[in-house]
Amino acid sequence: MSYDRSAAPAPLSGLRLLPGETDTGKPCFLSTDDTGGPLSRLADDIEVSQLQDGADVLAGAKAVLGDRKAGEYALRRALRATTQVLGDVLRIADSRGARLPQGGDCP
């Protein structure tokens, strides 16, 4: 599955969009005010891992694009991996953006 930003509902106040989805492709949310709780920390760790995967896939895709001998299979595989991690990065951006202070809420 891949994250579809246009189809994902915006998280309601107090809900955190999690870095995974259900087996049917629906987004998962966490209801908590505790940003240091065990589930929040687990979600943070998964996001860090997904961002590292994104960096690794980007390096691999650049290598494939730089290889003039790369065939269709290698290009398709690199593009498939790139679209997957881009979806993860967009989900992380949406999740973190939704948790930013709004308007006059800044300290």
N, C-alpha and C. Protein backbone atom coordinates (compact mmCIF):
# COMPACT_ATOMS: atom_id res chain seq x y z
N MET A 1 0.84 -1.18 0.00
CA MET A 1 0.00 0.00 0.00
C MET A 1 0.88 1.24 0.00
N SER A 2 0.31 2.30 -0.46
CA SER A 2 1.03 3.56 -0.48
C SER A 2 0.11 4.68 -0.02
N TYR A 3 0.67 5.64 0.63
CA TYR A 3 -0.09 6.76 1.19
C TYR A 3 -0.66 7.62 0.08
N ASP A 4 -1.96 7.88 0.16
CA ASP A 4 -2.64 8.76 -0.79
C ASP A 4 -3.08 10.00 -0.03
N ARG A 5 -2.31 11.05 -0.16
CA ARG A 5 -2.55 12.29 0.59
C ARG A 5 -3.94 12.85 0.32
N SER A 6 -4.41 12.74 -0.91
CA SER A 6 -5.72 13.32 -1.25
C SER A 6 -6.87 12.51 -0.65
N ALA A 7 -6.66 11.24 -0.37
CA ALA A 7 -7.72 10.39 0.17
C ALA A 7 -7.67 10.28 1.68
N ALA A 8 -6.57 10.68 2.30
CA ALA A 8 -6.42 10.55 3.75
C ALA A 8 -7.18 11.66 4.45
N PRO A 9 -8.01 11.30 5.42
CA PRO A 9 -8.71 12.35 6.16
C PRO A 9 -7.74 13.11 7.04
N ALA A 10 -7.99 14.40 7.20
CA ALA A 10 -7.14 15.20 8.09
C ALA A 10 -7.37 14.74 9.52
N PRO A 11 -6.28 14.58 10.29
CA PRO A 11 -6.46 14.14 11.67
C PRO A 11 -7.26 15.17 12.47
N LEU A 12 -8.16 14.69 13.29
CA LEU A 12 -8.90 15.57 14.19
C LEU A 12 -7.97 15.99 15.31
N SER A 13 -8.31 17.08 15.95
CA SER A 13 -7.51 17.58 17.05
C SER A 13 -7.30 16.48 18.09
N GLY A 14 -6.08 16.31 18.51
CA GLY A 14 -5.76 15.30 19.51
C GLY A 14 -5.44 13.93 18.93
N LEU A 15 -5.55 13.76 17.61
CA LEU A 15 -5.22 12.49 16.98
C LEU A 15 -3.94 12.63 16.19
N ARG A 16 -3.10 11.62 16.29
CA ARG A 16 -1.85 11.59 15.54
C ARG A 16 -1.95 10.57 14.43
N LEU A 17 -1.64 11.01 13.20
CA LEU A 17 -1.57 10.09 12.08
C LEU A 17 -0.33 9.22 12.27
N LEU A 18 -0.54 7.92 12.31
CA LEU A 18 0.57 7.00 12.54
C LEU A 18 1.27 6.63 11.23
N PRO A 19 2.51 6.14 11.33
CA PRO A 19 3.29 5.86 10.12
C PRO A 19 2.88 4.60 9.38
N GLY A 20 1.86 3.93 9.80
CA GLY A 20 1.41 2.73 9.10
C GLY A 20 -0.06 2.85 8.74
N GLU A 21 -0.59 1.77 8.21
CA GLU A 21 -2.00 1.75 7.83
C GLU A 21 -2.55 0.37 8.11
N THR A 22 -3.87 0.26 8.04
CA THR A 22 -4.50 -1.04 8.26
C THR A 22 -4.19 -1.95 7.06
N ASP A 23 -4.54 -3.21 7.19
CA ASP A 23 -4.30 -4.14 6.08
C ASP A 23 -5.18 -3.85 4.87
N THR A 24 -6.19 -2.99 5.06
CA THR A 24 -7.04 -2.59 3.93
C THR A 24 -6.63 -1.21 3.38
N GLY A 25 -5.53 -0.66 3.90
CA GLY A 25 -5.02 0.60 3.38
C GLY A 25 -5.56 1.86 4.03
N LYS A 26 -6.30 1.71 5.12
CA LYS A 26 -6.85 2.88 5.80
C LYS A 26 -5.83 3.43 6.79
N PRO A 27 -5.82 4.77 6.98
CA PRO A 27 -4.86 5.36 7.91
C PRO A 27 -5.18 4.96 9.36
N CYS A 28 -4.14 4.94 10.17
CA CYS A 28 -4.28 4.66 11.59
C CYS A 28 -3.97 5.93 12.38
N PHE A 29 -4.71 6.13 13.46
CA PHE A 29 -4.52 7.31 14.30
C PHE A 29 -4.31 6.89 15.74
N LEU A 30 -3.58 7.72 16.47
CA LEU A 30 -3.34 7.50 17.89
C LEU A 30 -3.95 8.67 18.64
N SER A 31 -4.77 8.36 19.64
CA SER A 31 -5.38 9.40 20.47
C SER A 31 -4.59 9.48 21.77
N THR A 32 -3.80 10.56 21.91
CA THR A 32 -3.01 10.75 23.12
C THR A 32 -2.57 12.19 23.23
N ASP A 33 -2.46 12.66 24.45
CA ASP A 33 -1.88 13.97 24.71
C ASP A 33 -0.44 13.81 25.16
N ASP A 34 0.00 12.57 25.35
CA ASP A 34 1.33 12.28 25.87
C ASP A 34 2.29 12.01 24.71
N THR A 35 3.07 13.03 24.32
CA THR A 35 4.01 12.86 23.21
C THR A 35 5.18 11.96 23.60
N GLY A 36 5.36 11.70 24.89
CA GLY A 36 6.46 10.85 25.32
C GLY A 36 6.02 9.46 25.72
N GLY A 37 4.77 9.13 25.43
CA GLY A 37 4.25 7.81 25.78
C GLY A 37 4.87 6.72 24.92
N PRO A 38 4.71 5.46 25.33
CA PRO A 38 5.35 4.36 24.61
C PRO A 38 4.89 4.24 23.15
N LEU A 39 3.61 4.43 22.88
CA LEU A 39 3.14 4.33 21.49
C LEU A 39 3.64 5.50 20.64
N SER A 40 3.69 6.67 21.23
CA SER A 40 4.22 7.83 20.51
C SER A 40 5.71 7.63 20.21
N ARG A 41 6.45 7.11 21.18
CA ARG A 41 7.88 6.86 20.96
C ARG A 41 8.08 5.79 19.89
N LEU A 42 7.25 4.76 19.89
CA LEU A 42 7.33 3.72 18.86
C LEU A 42 7.06 4.32 17.49
N ALA A 43 6.02 5.16 17.40
CA ALA A 43 5.71 5.82 16.12
C ALA A 43 6.88 6.70 15.68
N ASP A 44 7.49 7.43 16.62
CA ASP A 44 8.66 8.26 16.30
C ASP A 44 9.79 7.40 15.74
N ASP A 45 10.04 6.26 16.38
CA ASP A 45 11.12 5.36 15.93
C ASP A 45 10.84 4.82 14.53
N ILE A 46 9.58 4.48 14.27
CA ILE A 46 9.22 3.98 12.93
C ILE A 46 9.42 5.07 11.89
N GLU A 47 9.03 6.31 12.22
CA GLU A 47 9.22 7.42 11.29
C GLU A 47 10.70 7.64 11.00
N VAL A 48 11.54 7.58 12.02
CA VAL A 48 12.99 7.75 11.82
C VAL A 48 13.50 6.66 10.87
N SER A 49 13.04 5.44 11.08
CA SER A 49 13.44 4.33 10.21
C SER A 49 12.96 4.55 8.77
N GLN A 50 11.72 5.02 8.62
CA GLN A 50 11.18 5.29 7.28
C GLN A 50 11.97 6.41 6.59
N LEU A 51 12.35 7.43 7.32
CA LEU A 51 13.13 8.52 6.72
C LEU A 51 14.51 8.01 6.30
N GLN A 52 15.12 7.13 7.10
CA GLN A 52 16.41 6.55 6.71
C GLN A 52 16.24 5.68 5.47
N ASP A 53 15.16 4.91 5.42
CA ASP A 53 14.87 4.11 4.22
C ASP A 53 14.75 5.02 3.00
N GLY A 54 14.10 6.17 3.18
CA GLY A 54 13.95 7.13 2.09
C GLY A 54 15.29 7.61 1.58
N ALA A 55 16.21 7.91 2.50
CA ALA A 55 17.54 8.36 2.11
C ALA A 55 18.28 7.25 1.36
N ASP A 56 18.13 6.02 1.83
CA ASP A 56 18.78 4.88 1.17
C ASP A 56 18.22 4.65 -0.23
N VAL A 57 16.90 4.72 -0.36
CA VAL A 57 16.25 4.52 -1.66
C VAL A 57 16.65 5.63 -2.62
N LEU A 58 16.72 6.86 -2.12
CA LEU A 58 17.13 7.98 -2.97
C LEU A 58 18.54 7.74 -3.51
N ALA A 59 19.45 7.29 -2.67
CA ALA A 59 20.81 7.01 -3.13
C ALA A 59 20.81 5.90 -4.18
N GLY A 60 20.00 4.86 -3.95
CA GLY A 60 19.91 3.77 -4.92
C GLY A 60 19.30 4.21 -6.24
N ALA A 61 18.27 5.04 -6.17
CA ALA A 61 17.62 5.53 -7.40
C ALA A 61 18.59 6.40 -8.20
N LYS A 62 19.36 7.23 -7.50
CA LYS A 62 20.36 8.05 -8.19
C LYS A 62 21.40 7.18 -8.89
N ALA A 63 21.79 6.10 -8.23
CA ALA A 63 22.77 5.18 -8.84
C ALA A 63 22.19 4.53 -10.09
N VAL A 64 20.93 4.10 -10.03
CA VAL A 64 20.30 3.47 -11.20
C VAL A 64 20.19 4.49 -12.33
N LEU A 65 19.76 5.71 -12.01
CA LEU A 65 19.63 6.74 -13.04
C LEU A 65 20.97 7.11 -13.66
N GLY A 66 22.03 7.01 -12.86
CA GLY A 66 23.36 7.34 -13.36
C GLY A 66 24.00 6.22 -14.17
N ASP A 67 23.41 5.04 -14.14
CA ASP A 67 23.94 3.88 -14.86
C ASP A 67 23.27 3.78 -16.22
N ARG A 68 23.97 4.16 -17.25
CA ARG A 68 23.40 4.13 -18.61
C ARG A 68 23.04 2.72 -19.07
N LYS A 69 23.59 1.71 -18.40
CA LYS A 69 23.30 0.33 -18.78
C LYS A 69 22.11 -0.25 -18.01
N ALA A 70 21.55 0.52 -17.09
CA ALA A 70 20.41 0.03 -16.31
C ALA A 70 19.23 -0.25 -17.24
N GLY A 71 18.67 -1.40 -17.08
CA GLY A 71 17.54 -1.79 -17.93
C GLY A 71 16.20 -1.38 -17.36
N GLU A 72 15.17 -1.75 -18.08
CA GLU A 72 13.81 -1.40 -17.69
C GLU A 72 13.46 -1.95 -16.31
N TYR A 73 13.88 -3.19 -16.01
CA TYR A 73 13.56 -3.79 -14.72
C TYR A 73 14.18 -2.97 -13.58
N ALA A 74 15.43 -2.59 -13.71
CA ALA A 74 16.10 -1.81 -12.67
C ALA A 74 15.43 -0.45 -12.49
N LEU A 75 15.05 0.17 -13.58
CA LEU A 75 14.39 1.47 -13.50
C LEU A 75 13.01 1.35 -12.84
N ARG A 76 12.25 0.33 -13.22
CA ARG A 76 10.93 0.14 -12.62
C ARG A 76 11.05 -0.17 -11.13
N ARG A 77 12.02 -0.99 -10.78
CA ARG A 77 12.22 -1.34 -9.37
C ARG A 77 12.60 -0.10 -8.56
N ALA A 78 13.49 0.73 -9.10
CA ALA A 78 13.89 1.96 -8.41
C ALA A 78 12.71 2.92 -8.29
N LEU A 79 11.91 3.03 -9.32
CA LEU A 79 10.76 3.92 -9.28
C LEU A 79 9.71 3.41 -8.29
N ARG A 80 9.50 2.10 -8.25
CA ARG A 80 8.54 1.53 -7.30
C ARG A 80 8.98 1.81 -5.86
N ALA A 81 10.26 1.60 -5.57
CA ALA A 81 10.77 1.87 -4.22
C ALA A 81 10.68 3.36 -3.89
N THR A 82 10.96 4.20 -4.88
CA THR A 82 10.92 5.64 -4.66
C THR A 82 9.50 6.11 -4.36
N THR A 83 8.52 5.60 -5.08
CA THR A 83 7.14 6.03 -4.82
C THR A 83 6.68 5.55 -3.45
N GLN A 84 7.13 4.39 -3.02
CA GLN A 84 6.75 3.88 -1.70
C GLN A 84 7.31 4.78 -0.60
N VAL A 85 8.60 5.09 -0.67
CA VAL A 85 9.18 5.91 0.40
C VAL A 85 8.70 7.36 0.32
N LEU A 86 8.37 7.85 -0.87
CA LEU A 86 7.81 9.20 -0.98
C LEU A 86 6.46 9.25 -0.26
N GLY A 87 5.66 8.21 -0.41
CA GLY A 87 4.39 8.13 0.32
C GLY A 87 4.62 8.14 1.82
N ASP A 88 5.63 7.40 2.29
CA ASP A 88 5.95 7.40 3.72
C ASP A 88 6.36 8.79 4.19
N VAL A 89 7.19 9.47 3.41
CA VAL A 89 7.66 10.81 3.79
C VAL A 89 6.50 11.81 3.82
N LEU A 90 5.57 11.71 2.85
CA LEU A 90 4.41 12.59 2.86
C LEU A 90 3.52 12.33 4.08
N ARG A 91 3.37 11.06 4.44
CA ARG A 91 2.58 10.72 5.63
C ARG A 91 3.23 11.32 6.88
N ILE A 92 4.55 11.20 6.97
CA ILE A 92 5.27 11.77 8.12
C ILE A 92 5.11 13.29 8.15
N ALA A 93 5.25 13.93 7.00
CA ALA A 93 5.09 15.39 6.93
C ALA A 93 3.68 15.81 7.36
N ASP A 94 2.66 15.09 6.89
CA ASP A 94 1.29 15.41 7.27
C ASP A 94 1.07 15.19 8.76
N SER A 95 1.61 14.09 9.29
CA SER A 95 1.46 13.79 10.70
C SER A 95 2.12 14.85 11.57
N ARG A 96 3.35 15.19 11.22
CA ARG A 96 4.07 16.18 12.02
C ARG A 96 3.49 17.58 11.84
N GLY A 97 3.06 17.89 10.63
CA GLY A 97 2.46 19.21 10.37
C GLY A 97 1.17 19.39 11.15
N ALA A 98 0.39 18.34 11.29
CA ALA A 98 -0.87 18.42 12.03
C ALA A 98 -0.65 18.64 13.51
N ARG A 99 0.54 18.30 14.00
CA ARG A 99 0.83 18.45 15.42
C ARG A 99 1.53 19.76 15.76
N LEU A 100 1.79 20.61 14.75
CA LEU A 100 2.40 21.90 15.01
C LEU A 100 1.38 22.84 15.66
N PRO A 101 1.86 23.76 16.49
CA PRO A 101 0.94 24.74 17.07
C PRO A 101 0.28 25.55 15.96
N GLN A 102 -1.00 25.84 16.13
CA GLN A 102 -1.76 26.58 15.12
C GLN A 102 -1.86 28.05 15.49
N GLY A 103 -1.64 28.92 14.52
CA GLY A 103 -1.82 30.38 14.67
C GLY A 103 -1.20 30.95 15.92
N GLY A 104 -2.03 31.41 16.83
CA GLY A 104 -1.58 32.09 18.03
C GLY A 104 -1.17 31.14 19.15
N ASP A 105 -1.05 29.84 18.85
CA ASP A 105 -0.70 28.87 19.89
C ASP A 105 0.79 28.80 20.17
N CYS A 106 1.59 29.54 19.42
CA CYS A 106 3.05 29.49 19.61
C CYS A 106 3.41 30.10 20.95
N PRO A 107 4.43 29.53 21.62
CA PRO A 107 4.84 30.05 22.93
C PRO A 107 5.48 31.41 22.82
